[in-house]
Full PDB file with SEQRES, HELIX, SHEET, SSBOND, CRYST1, ORIGX, SCALE, CONECT and MASTER records, all heavy atoms in Angstrom:
SEQRES   1 A   37  VAL ALA LEU PRO THR VAL ASP VAL VAL LEU LYS THR LEU          
SEQRES   2 A   37  VAL LEU VAL VAL LEU ALA GLY ILE VAL LYS PRO ALA ILE          
SEQRES   3 A   37  THR ILE VAL LEU LEU MET TYR LYS GLY TYR GLU                  
HELIX    1 AA1 VAL A    6  VAL A   17  1                                  12    
HELIX    2 AA2 LEU A   18  VAL A   22  3                                   5    
HELIX    3 AA3 LYS A   23  TYR A   33  1                                  11    
CRYST1    1.000    1.000    1.000  90.00  90.00  90.00 P 1           1          
ORIGX1      1.000000  0.000000  0.000000        0.00000                         
ORIGX2      0.000000  1.000000  0.000000        0.00000                         
ORIGX3      0.000000  0.000000  1.000000        0.00000                         
SCALE1      1.000000  0.000000  0.000000        0.00000                         
SCALE2      0.000000  1.000000  0.000000        0.00000                         
SCALE3      0.000000  0.000000  1.000000        0.00000                         
ATOM      1  N   VAL A   1     107.388 179.434 105.172  1.00  0.00           N  
ATOM      2  CA  VAL A   1     106.190 180.345 104.995  1.00  0.00           C  
ATOM      3  C   VAL A   1     106.765 181.784 105.034  1.00  0.00           C  
ATOM      4  O   VAL A   1     107.447 182.225 105.968  1.00  0.00           O  
ATOM      5  CB  VAL A   1     105.210 180.084 106.120  1.00  0.00           C  
ATOM      6  CG1 VAL A   1     104.078 181.168 106.015  1.00  0.00           C  
ATOM      7  CG2 VAL A   1     104.605 178.734 106.036  1.00  0.00           C  
ATOM      8  N   ALA A   2     106.312 182.472 103.992  1.00  0.00           N  
ATOM      9  CA  ALA A   2     106.651 183.953 103.866  1.00  0.00           C  
ATOM     10  C   ALA A   2     105.384 184.788 104.085  1.00  0.00           C  
ATOM     11  O   ALA A   2     104.319 184.311 103.904  1.00  0.00           O  
ATOM     12  CB  ALA A   2     107.307 184.202 102.490  1.00  0.00           C  
ATOM     13  N   LEU A   3     105.652 186.050 104.388  1.00  0.00           N  
ATOM     14  CA  LEU A   3     104.551 186.990 104.549  1.00  0.00           C  
ATOM     15  C   LEU A   3     103.820 187.109 103.192  1.00  0.00           C  
ATOM     16  O   LEU A   3     104.374 187.555 102.236  1.00  0.00           O  
ATOM     17  CB  LEU A   3     105.056 188.324 105.005  1.00  0.00           C  
ATOM     18  CG  LEU A   3     103.962 189.373 105.376  1.00  0.00           C  
ATOM     19  CD1 LEU A   3     103.186 188.883 106.551  1.00  0.00           C  
ATOM     20  CD2 LEU A   3     104.582 190.725 105.672  1.00  0.00           C  
ATOM     21  N   PRO A   4     102.541 186.724 103.093  1.00  0.00           N  
ATOM     22  CA  PRO A   4     101.863 186.615 101.806  1.00  0.00           C  
ATOM     23  C   PRO A   4     101.301 187.908 101.356  1.00  0.00           C  
ATOM     24  O   PRO A   4     100.931 188.751 102.158  1.00  0.00           O  
ATOM     25  CB  PRO A   4     100.754 185.673 102.107  1.00  0.00           C  
ATOM     26  CG  PRO A   4     100.414 185.848 103.560  1.00  0.00           C  
ATOM     27  CD  PRO A   4     101.693 186.224 104.248  1.00  0.00           C  
ATOM     28  N   THR A   5     101.273 188.118 100.031  1.00  0.00           N  
ATOM     29  CA  THR A   5     100.554 189.219  99.394  1.00  0.00           C  
ATOM     30  C   THR A   5      99.083 188.791  99.205  1.00  0.00           C  
ATOM     31  O   THR A   5      98.698 187.620  99.484  1.00  0.00           O  
ATOM     32  CB  THR A   5     101.183 189.558  98.059  1.00  0.00           C  
ATOM     33  OG1 THR A   5     101.041 188.402  97.174  1.00  0.00           O  
ATOM     34  CG2 THR A   5     102.640 189.838  98.194  1.00  0.00           C  
ATOM     35  N   VAL A   6      98.313 189.726  98.771  1.00  0.00           N  
ATOM     36  CA  VAL A   6      96.873 189.399  98.516  1.00  0.00           C  
ATOM     37  C   VAL A   6      96.712 188.391  97.413  1.00  0.00           C  
ATOM     38  O   VAL A   6      95.955 187.410  97.540  1.00  0.00           O  
ATOM     39  CB  VAL A   6      96.048 190.710  98.086  1.00  0.00           C  
ATOM     40  CG1 VAL A   6      94.670 190.311  97.661  1.00  0.00           C  
ATOM     41  CG2 VAL A   6      96.161 191.698  99.154  1.00  0.00           C  
ATOM     42  N   ASP A   7      97.581 188.439  96.438  1.00  0.00           N  
ATOM     43  CA  ASP A   7      97.586 187.483  95.332  1.00  0.00           C  
ATOM     44  C   ASP A   7      97.878 186.067  95.848  1.00  0.00           C  
ATOM     45  O   ASP A   7      97.212 185.140  95.516  1.00  0.00           O  
ATOM     46  CB  ASP A   7      98.514 187.867  94.295  1.00  0.00           C  
ATOM     47  CG  ASP A   7      98.562 186.869  93.039  1.00  0.00           C  
ATOM     48  OD1 ASP A   7      97.479 186.617  92.511  1.00  0.00           O  
ATOM     49  OD2 ASP A   7      99.660 186.375  92.751  1.00  0.00           O  
ATOM     50  N   VAL A   8      98.909 185.925  96.709  1.00  0.00           N  
ATOM     51  CA  VAL A   8      99.313 184.710  97.308  1.00  0.00           C  
ATOM     52  C   VAL A   8      98.151 184.168  98.167  1.00  0.00           C  
ATOM     53  O   VAL A   8      97.939 182.960  98.153  1.00  0.00           O  
ATOM     54  CB  VAL A   8     100.625 184.861  98.073  1.00  0.00           C  
ATOM     55  CG1 VAL A   8     100.892 183.600  98.929  1.00  0.00           C  
ATOM     56  CG2 VAL A   8     101.814 185.114  97.172  1.00  0.00           C  
ATOM     57  N   VAL A   9      97.565 184.998  98.972  1.00  0.00           N  
ATOM     58  CA  VAL A   9      96.491 184.492  99.824  1.00  0.00           C  
ATOM     59  C   VAL A   9      95.311 184.044  99.027  1.00  0.00           C  
ATOM     60  O   VAL A   9      94.760 182.893  99.384  1.00  0.00           O  
ATOM     61  CB  VAL A   9      95.945 185.742 100.684  1.00  0.00           C  
ATOM     62  CG1 VAL A   9      94.628 185.395 101.371  1.00  0.00           C  
ATOM     63  CG2 VAL A   9      97.022 186.172 101.726  1.00  0.00           C  
ATOM     64  N   LEU A  10      94.986 184.562  97.916  1.00  0.00           N  
ATOM     65  CA  LEU A  10      93.929 184.098  97.085  1.00  0.00           C  
ATOM     66  C   LEU A  10      94.201 182.672  96.531  1.00  0.00           C  
ATOM     67  O   LEU A  10      93.407 181.760  96.548  1.00  0.00           O  
ATOM     68  CB  LEU A  10      93.597 185.027  95.893  1.00  0.00           C  
ATOM     69  CG  LEU A  10      92.431 184.771  95.013  1.00  0.00           C  
ATOM     70  CD1 LEU A  10      91.185 184.703  95.831  1.00  0.00           C  
ATOM     71  CD2 LEU A  10      92.321 185.768  93.947  1.00  0.00           C  
ATOM     72  N   LYS A  11      95.445 182.459  96.044  1.00  0.00           N  
ATOM     73  CA  LYS A  11      95.928 181.144  95.457  1.00  0.00           C  
ATOM     74  C   LYS A  11      95.834 180.135  96.612  1.00  0.00           C  
ATOM     75  O   LYS A  11      95.531 179.022  96.414  1.00  0.00           O  
ATOM     76  CB  LYS A  11      97.240 181.283  94.851  1.00  0.00           C  
ATOM     77  CG  LYS A  11      97.323 182.127  93.598  1.00  0.00           C  
ATOM     78  CD  LYS A  11      98.721 182.078  93.034  1.00  0.00           C  
ATOM     79  CE  LYS A  11      98.821 182.849  91.770  1.00  0.00           C  
ATOM     80  NZ  LYS A  11      98.492 184.329  91.894  1.00  0.00           N  
ATOM     81  N   THR A  12      96.359 180.606  97.806  1.00  0.00           N  
ATOM     82  CA  THR A  12      96.372 179.689  98.936  1.00  0.00           C  
ATOM     83  C   THR A  12      94.981 179.216  99.343  1.00  0.00           C  
ATOM     84  O   THR A  12      94.768 177.972  99.687  1.00  0.00           O  
ATOM     85  CB  THR A  12      97.049 180.422 100.184  1.00  0.00           C  
ATOM     86  OG1 THR A  12      98.380 180.828  99.871  1.00  0.00           O  
ATOM     87  CG2 THR A  12      97.095 179.434 101.397  1.00  0.00           C  
ATOM     88  N   LEU A  13      94.006 180.018  99.364  1.00  0.00           N  
ATOM     89  CA  LEU A  13      92.629 179.775  99.736  1.00  0.00           C  
ATOM     90  C   LEU A  13      92.018 178.740  98.782  1.00  0.00           C  
ATOM     91  O   LEU A  13      91.446 177.715  99.166  1.00  0.00           O  
ATOM     92  CB  LEU A  13      91.772 181.026  99.752  1.00  0.00           C  
ATOM     93  CG  LEU A  13      91.971 181.951 100.968  1.00  0.00           C  
ATOM     94  CD1 LEU A  13      91.096 183.200 100.728  1.00  0.00           C  
ATOM     95  CD2 LEU A  13      91.710 181.252 102.257  1.00  0.00           C  
ATOM     96  N   VAL A  14      92.418 178.877  97.511  1.00  0.00           N  
ATOM     97  CA  VAL A  14      91.897 177.911  96.512  1.00  0.00           C  
ATOM     98  C   VAL A  14      92.533 176.526  96.845  1.00  0.00           C  
ATOM     99  O   VAL A  14      91.854 175.513  96.770  1.00  0.00           O  
ATOM    100  CB  VAL A  14      92.302 178.411  95.102  1.00  0.00           C  
ATOM    101  CG1 VAL A  14      92.090 177.236  94.043  1.00  0.00           C  
ATOM    102  CG2 VAL A  14      91.501 179.618  94.693  1.00  0.00           C  
ATOM    103  N   LEU A  15      93.823 176.501  97.136  1.00  0.00           N  
ATOM    104  CA  LEU A  15      94.553 175.290  97.402  1.00  0.00           C  
ATOM    105  C   LEU A  15      93.973 174.561  98.648  1.00  0.00           C  
ATOM    106  O   LEU A  15      93.817 173.302  98.710  1.00  0.00           O  
ATOM    107  CB  LEU A  15      96.042 175.400  97.445  1.00  0.00           C  
ATOM    108  CG  LEU A  15      96.739 175.699  96.062  1.00  0.00           C  
ATOM    109  CD1 LEU A  15      98.216 176.025  96.342  1.00  0.00           C  
ATOM    110  CD2 LEU A  15      96.671 174.458  95.153  1.00  0.00           C  
ATOM    111  N   VAL A  16      93.757 175.393  99.650  1.00  0.00           N  
ATOM    112  CA  VAL A  16      93.271 174.832 100.928  1.00  0.00           C  
ATOM    113  C   VAL A  16      91.860 174.242 100.708  1.00  0.00           C  
ATOM    114  O   VAL A  16      91.588 173.127 101.238  1.00  0.00           O  
ATOM    115  CB  VAL A  16      93.252 175.976 101.977  1.00  0.00           C  
ATOM    116  CG1 VAL A  16      92.488 175.477 103.193  1.00  0.00           C  
ATOM    117  CG2 VAL A  16      94.641 176.372 102.358  1.00  0.00           C  
ATOM    118  N   VAL A  17      91.024 174.936 100.002  1.00  0.00           N  
ATOM    119  CA  VAL A  17      89.654 174.334  99.768  1.00  0.00           C  
ATOM    120  C   VAL A  17      89.704 173.040  98.901  1.00  0.00           C  
ATOM    121  O   VAL A  17      89.032 172.094  99.268  1.00  0.00           O  
ATOM    122  CB  VAL A  17      88.728 175.473  99.018  1.00  0.00           C  
ATOM    123  CG1 VAL A  17      87.448 174.837  98.532  1.00  0.00           C  
ATOM    124  CG2 VAL A  17      88.539 176.654  99.917  1.00  0.00           C  
ATOM    125  N   LEU A  18      90.501 172.994  97.861  1.00  0.00           N  
ATOM    126  CA  LEU A  18      90.648 171.900  97.104  1.00  0.00           C  
ATOM    127  C   LEU A  18      91.211 170.677  97.872  1.00  0.00           C  
ATOM    128  O   LEU A  18      90.760 169.598  97.787  1.00  0.00           O  
ATOM    129  CB  LEU A  18      91.450 172.157  95.846  1.00  0.00           C  
ATOM    130  CG  LEU A  18      90.802 173.096  94.788  1.00  0.00           C  
ATOM    131  CD1 LEU A  18      91.811 173.369  93.663  1.00  0.00           C  
ATOM    132  CD2 LEU A  18      89.631 172.337  94.191  1.00  0.00           C  
ATOM    133  N   ALA A  19      92.386 170.948  98.568  1.00  0.00           N  
ATOM    134  CA  ALA A  19      93.055 169.835  99.249  1.00  0.00           C  
ATOM    135  C   ALA A  19      92.324 169.470 100.536  1.00  0.00           C  
ATOM    136  O   ALA A  19      92.279 168.252 100.893  1.00  0.00           O  
ATOM    137  CB  ALA A  19      94.474 170.243  99.546  1.00  0.00           C  
ATOM    138  N   GLY A  20      91.758 170.451 101.248  1.00  0.00           N  
ATOM    139  CA  GLY A  20      91.294 170.130 102.526  1.00  0.00           C  
ATOM    140  C   GLY A  20      89.749 169.783 102.517  1.00  0.00           C  
ATOM    141  O   GLY A  20      89.296 169.228 103.500  1.00  0.00           O  
ATOM    142  N   ILE A  21      88.981 170.105 101.467  1.00  0.00           N  
ATOM    143  CA  ILE A  21      87.535 169.896 101.482  1.00  0.00           C  
ATOM    144  C   ILE A  21      87.166 169.057 100.210  1.00  0.00           C  
ATOM    145  O   ILE A  21      86.574 168.066 100.375  1.00  0.00           O  
ATOM    146  CB  ILE A  21      86.733 171.203 101.504  1.00  0.00           C  
ATOM    147  CG1 ILE A  21      87.108 172.002 102.796  1.00  0.00           C  
ATOM    148  CG2 ILE A  21      85.261 170.969 101.465  1.00  0.00           C  
ATOM    149  CD1 ILE A  21      86.482 173.381 102.837  1.00  0.00           C  
ATOM    150  N   VAL A  22      87.458 169.567  99.006  1.00  0.00           N  
ATOM    151  CA  VAL A  22      87.032 168.862  97.824  1.00  0.00           C  
ATOM    152  C   VAL A  22      87.657 167.563  97.789  1.00  0.00           C  
ATOM    153  O   VAL A  22      87.023 166.551  97.386  1.00  0.00           O  
ATOM    154  CB  VAL A  22      87.412 169.832  96.589  1.00  0.00           C  
ATOM    155  CG1 VAL A  22      87.052 169.085  95.313  1.00  0.00           C  
ATOM    156  CG2 VAL A  22      86.726 171.091  96.687  1.00  0.00           C  
ATOM    157  N   LYS A  23      88.992 167.433  97.918  1.00  0.00           N  
ATOM    158  CA  LYS A  23      89.616 166.073  97.789  1.00  0.00           C  
ATOM    159  C   LYS A  23      89.049 165.035  98.729  1.00  0.00           C  
ATOM    160  O   LYS A  23      88.813 163.933  98.306  1.00  0.00           O  
ATOM    161  CB  LYS A  23      91.154 166.285  98.018  1.00  0.00           C  
ATOM    162  CG  LYS A  23      91.999 164.999  97.893  1.00  0.00           C  
ATOM    163  CD  LYS A  23      93.442 165.224  97.649  1.00  0.00           C  
ATOM    164  CE  LYS A  23      94.057 166.071  98.715  1.00  0.00           C  
ATOM    165  NZ  LYS A  23      95.483 166.338  98.581  1.00  0.00           N  
ATOM    166  N   PRO A  24      88.843 165.363 100.064  1.00  0.00           N  
ATOM    167  CA  PRO A  24      88.237 164.347 100.923  1.00  0.00           C  
ATOM    168  C   PRO A  24      86.881 163.967 100.435  1.00  0.00           C  
ATOM    169  O   PRO A  24      86.458 162.819 100.495  1.00  0.00           O  
ATOM    170  CB  PRO A  24      88.221 165.057 102.271  1.00  0.00           C  
ATOM    171  CG  PRO A  24      89.286 165.981 102.171  1.00  0.00           C  
ATOM    172  CD  PRO A  24      89.386 166.493 100.745  1.00  0.00           C  
ATOM    173  N   ALA A  25      86.128 164.957  99.955  1.00  0.00           N  
ATOM    174  CA  ALA A  25      84.745 164.675  99.470  1.00  0.00           C  
ATOM    175  C   ALA A  25      84.766 163.700  98.297  1.00  0.00           C  
ATOM    176  O   ALA A  25      84.037 162.745  98.204  1.00  0.00           O  
ATOM    177  CB  ALA A  25      84.008 165.984  99.150  1.00  0.00           C  
ATOM    178  N   ILE A  26      85.666 163.963  97.384  1.00  0.00           N  
ATOM    179  CA  ILE A  26      85.761 163.081  96.181  1.00  0.00           C  
ATOM    180  C   ILE A  26      86.163 161.661  96.658  1.00  0.00           C  
ATOM    181  O   ILE A  26      85.677 160.635  96.127  1.00  0.00           O  
ATOM    182  CB  ILE A  26      86.801 163.687  95.253  1.00  0.00           C  
ATOM    183  CG1 ILE A  26      86.310 164.979  94.630  1.00  0.00           C  
ATOM    184  CG2 ILE A  26      87.216 162.678  94.129  1.00  0.00           C  
ATOM    185  CD1 ILE A  26      87.323 165.689  93.790  1.00  0.00           C  
ATOM    186  N   THR A  27      87.140 161.580  97.589  1.00  0.00           N  
ATOM    187  CA  THR A  27      87.596 160.317  98.063  1.00  0.00           C  
ATOM    188  C   THR A  27      86.457 159.483  98.790  1.00  0.00           C  
ATOM    189  O   THR A  27      86.349 158.300  98.561  1.00  0.00           O  
ATOM    190  CB  THR A  27      88.732 160.526  99.137  1.00  0.00           C  
ATOM    191  OG1 THR A  27      89.824 161.337  98.564  1.00  0.00           O  
ATOM    192  CG2 THR A  27      89.237 159.162  99.631  1.00  0.00           C  
ATOM    193  N   ILE A  28      85.609 160.168  99.646  1.00  0.00           N  
ATOM    194  CA  ILE A  28      84.507 159.555 100.254  1.00  0.00           C  
ATOM    195  C   ILE A  28      83.572 158.996  99.218  1.00  0.00           C  
ATOM    196  O   ILE A  28      83.087 157.824  99.241  1.00  0.00           O  
ATOM    197  CB  ILE A  28      83.748 160.501 101.124  1.00  0.00           C  
ATOM    198  CG1 ILE A  28      84.544 160.900 102.318  1.00  0.00           C  
ATOM    199  CG2 ILE A  28      82.427 159.963 101.612  1.00  0.00           C  
ATOM    200  CD1 ILE A  28      84.024 162.042 103.177  1.00  0.00           C  
ATOM    201  N   VAL A  29      83.214 159.764  98.186  1.00  0.00           N  
ATOM    202  CA  VAL A  29      82.243 159.369  97.070  1.00  0.00           C  
ATOM    203  C   VAL A  29      82.848 158.098  96.382  1.00  0.00           C  
ATOM    204  O   VAL A  29      82.097 157.114  96.153  1.00  0.00           O  
ATOM    205  CB  VAL A  29      82.029 160.482  96.081  1.00  0.00           C  
ATOM    206  CG1 VAL A  29      81.282 159.995  94.816  1.00  0.00           C  
ATOM    207  CG2 VAL A  29      81.216 161.579  96.758  1.00  0.00           C  
ATOM    208  N   LEU A  30      84.143 158.160  95.986  1.00  0.00           N  
ATOM    209  CA  LEU A  30      84.717 157.107  95.240  1.00  0.00           C  
ATOM    210  C   LEU A  30      84.807 155.793  96.098  1.00  0.00           C  
ATOM    211  O   LEU A  30      84.576 154.715  95.607  1.00  0.00           O  
ATOM    212  CB  LEU A  30      86.110 157.476  94.780  1.00  0.00           C  
ATOM    213  CG  LEU A  30      86.102 158.534  93.659  1.00  0.00           C  
ATOM    214  CD1 LEU A  30      87.505 158.997  93.379  1.00  0.00           C  
ATOM    215  CD2 LEU A  30      85.405 158.054  92.454  1.00  0.00           C  
ATOM    216  N   LEU A  31      85.170 155.923  97.405  1.00  0.00           N  
ATOM    217  CA  LEU A  31      85.211 154.764  98.232  1.00  0.00           C  
ATOM    218  C   LEU A  31      83.896 154.124  98.492  1.00  0.00           C  
ATOM    219  O   LEU A  31      83.728 152.856  98.500  1.00  0.00           O  
ATOM    220  CB  LEU A  31      85.886 155.094  99.614  1.00  0.00           C  
ATOM    221  CG  LEU A  31      87.464 155.287  99.602  1.00  0.00           C  
ATOM    222  CD1 LEU A  31      87.898 155.869 100.872  1.00  0.00           C  
ATOM    223  CD2 LEU A  31      88.122 153.960  99.284  1.00  0.00           C  
ATOM    224  N   MET A  32      82.847 154.910  98.635  1.00  0.00           N  
ATOM    225  CA  MET A  32      81.503 154.399  98.790  1.00  0.00           C  
ATOM    226  C   MET A  32      80.975 153.758  97.494  1.00  0.00           C  
ATOM    227  O   MET A  32      80.329 152.773  97.499  1.00  0.00           O  
ATOM    228  CB  MET A  32      80.535 155.492  99.281  1.00  0.00           C  
ATOM    229  CG  MET A  32      80.885 155.954 100.665  1.00  0.00           C  
ATOM    230  SD  MET A  32      79.840 157.262 101.365  1.00  0.00           S  
ATOM    231  CE  MET A  32      78.214 156.354 101.475  1.00  0.00           C  
ATOM    232  N   TYR A  33      81.475 154.272  96.375  1.00  0.00           N  
ATOM    233  CA  TYR A  33      81.132 153.615  95.151  1.00  0.00           C  
ATOM    234  C   TYR A  33      81.779 152.303  94.976  1.00  0.00           C  
ATOM    235  O   TYR A  33      81.219 151.366  94.409  1.00  0.00           O  
ATOM    236  CB  TYR A  33      81.647 154.593  93.972  1.00  0.00           C  
ATOM    237  CG  TYR A  33      81.635 153.916  92.648  1.00  0.00           C  
ATOM    238  CD1 TYR A  33      80.475 153.764  91.939  1.00  0.00           C  
ATOM    239  CD2 TYR A  33      82.784 153.475  92.022  1.00  0.00           C  
ATOM    240  CE1 TYR A  33      80.403 153.174  90.666  1.00  0.00           C  
ATOM    241  CE2 TYR A  33      82.798 152.870  90.824  1.00  0.00           C  
ATOM    242  CZ  TYR A  33      81.559 152.762  90.136  1.00  0.00           C  
ATOM    243  OH  TYR A  33      81.580 152.154  88.912  1.00  0.00           O  
ATOM    244  N   LYS A  34      82.985 152.155  95.557  1.00  0.00           N  
ATOM    245  CA  LYS A  34      83.667 150.847  95.537  1.00  0.00           C  
ATOM    246  C   LYS A  34      83.154 149.903  96.494  1.00  0.00           C  
ATOM    247  O   LYS A  34      83.590 148.721  96.612  1.00  0.00           O  
ATOM    248  CB  LYS A  34      85.133 151.054  95.749  1.00  0.00           C  
ATOM    249  CG  LYS A  34      85.915 151.784  94.629  1.00  0.00           C  
ATOM    250  CD  LYS A  34      86.105 150.811  93.466  1.00  0.00           C  
ATOM    251  CE  LYS A  34      87.031 149.679  93.720  1.00  0.00           C  
ATOM    252  NZ  LYS A  34      87.273 148.827  92.589  1.00  0.00           N  
ATOM    253  N   GLY A  35      82.228 150.335  97.424  1.00  0.00           N  
ATOM    254  CA  GLY A  35      81.592 149.357  98.349  1.00  0.00           C  
ATOM    255  C   GLY A  35      81.960 149.499  99.839  1.00  0.00           C  
ATOM    256  O   GLY A  35      81.487 148.835 100.588  1.00  0.00           O  
ATOM    257  N   TYR A  36      82.839 150.505 100.146  1.00  0.00           N  
ATOM    258  CA  TYR A  36      83.269 150.726 101.518  1.00  0.00           C  
ATOM    259  C   TYR A  36      82.146 151.474 102.221  1.00  0.00           C  
ATOM    260  O   TYR A  36      81.502 152.397 101.632  1.00  0.00           O  
ATOM    261  CB  TYR A  36      84.548 151.446 101.573  1.00  0.00           C  
ATOM    262  CG  TYR A  36      85.729 150.619 101.188  1.00  0.00           C  
ATOM    263  CD1 TYR A  36      86.141 150.631  99.789  1.00  0.00           C  
ATOM    264  CD2 TYR A  36      86.412 149.788 102.018  1.00  0.00           C  
ATOM    265  CE1 TYR A  36      87.231 149.781  99.446  1.00  0.00           C  
ATOM    266  CE2 TYR A  36      87.420 149.016 101.632  1.00  0.00           C  
ATOM    267  CZ  TYR A  36      87.819 149.008 100.291  1.00  0.00           C  
ATOM    268  OH  TYR A  36      88.883 148.224  99.871  1.00  0.00           O  
ATOM    269  N   GLU A  37      81.946 151.091 103.508  1.00  0.00           N  
ATOM    270  CA  GLU A  37      80.893 151.813 104.194  1.00  0.00           C  
ATOM    271  C   GLU A  37      81.312 153.187 104.579  1.00  0.00           C  
ATOM    272  O   GLU A  37      82.496 153.504 104.621  1.00  0.00           O  
ATOM    273  CB  GLU A  37      80.397 150.995 105.443  1.00  0.00           C  
ATOM    274  CG  GLU A  37      81.473 150.451 106.267  1.00  0.00           C  
ATOM    275  CD  GLU A  37      82.041 151.426 107.270  1.00  0.00           C  
ATOM    276  OE1 GLU A  37      81.285 152.377 107.652  1.00  0.00           O  
ATOM    277  OE2 GLU A  37      83.197 151.320 107.646  1.00  0.00           O  
TER     278      GLU A  37                                                      
MASTER        0    0    0    3    0    0    0    6  277    1    0    3          
END                                                                             
């Protein structure tokens, strides 16, 4: 981890939201679609 610039922070936030929030949400929807409780 290096000291980030503003540009790096913005890209990081996008990745954190996608990997940490959006991806789990998509996984939950798809698993429930497949029949898992």
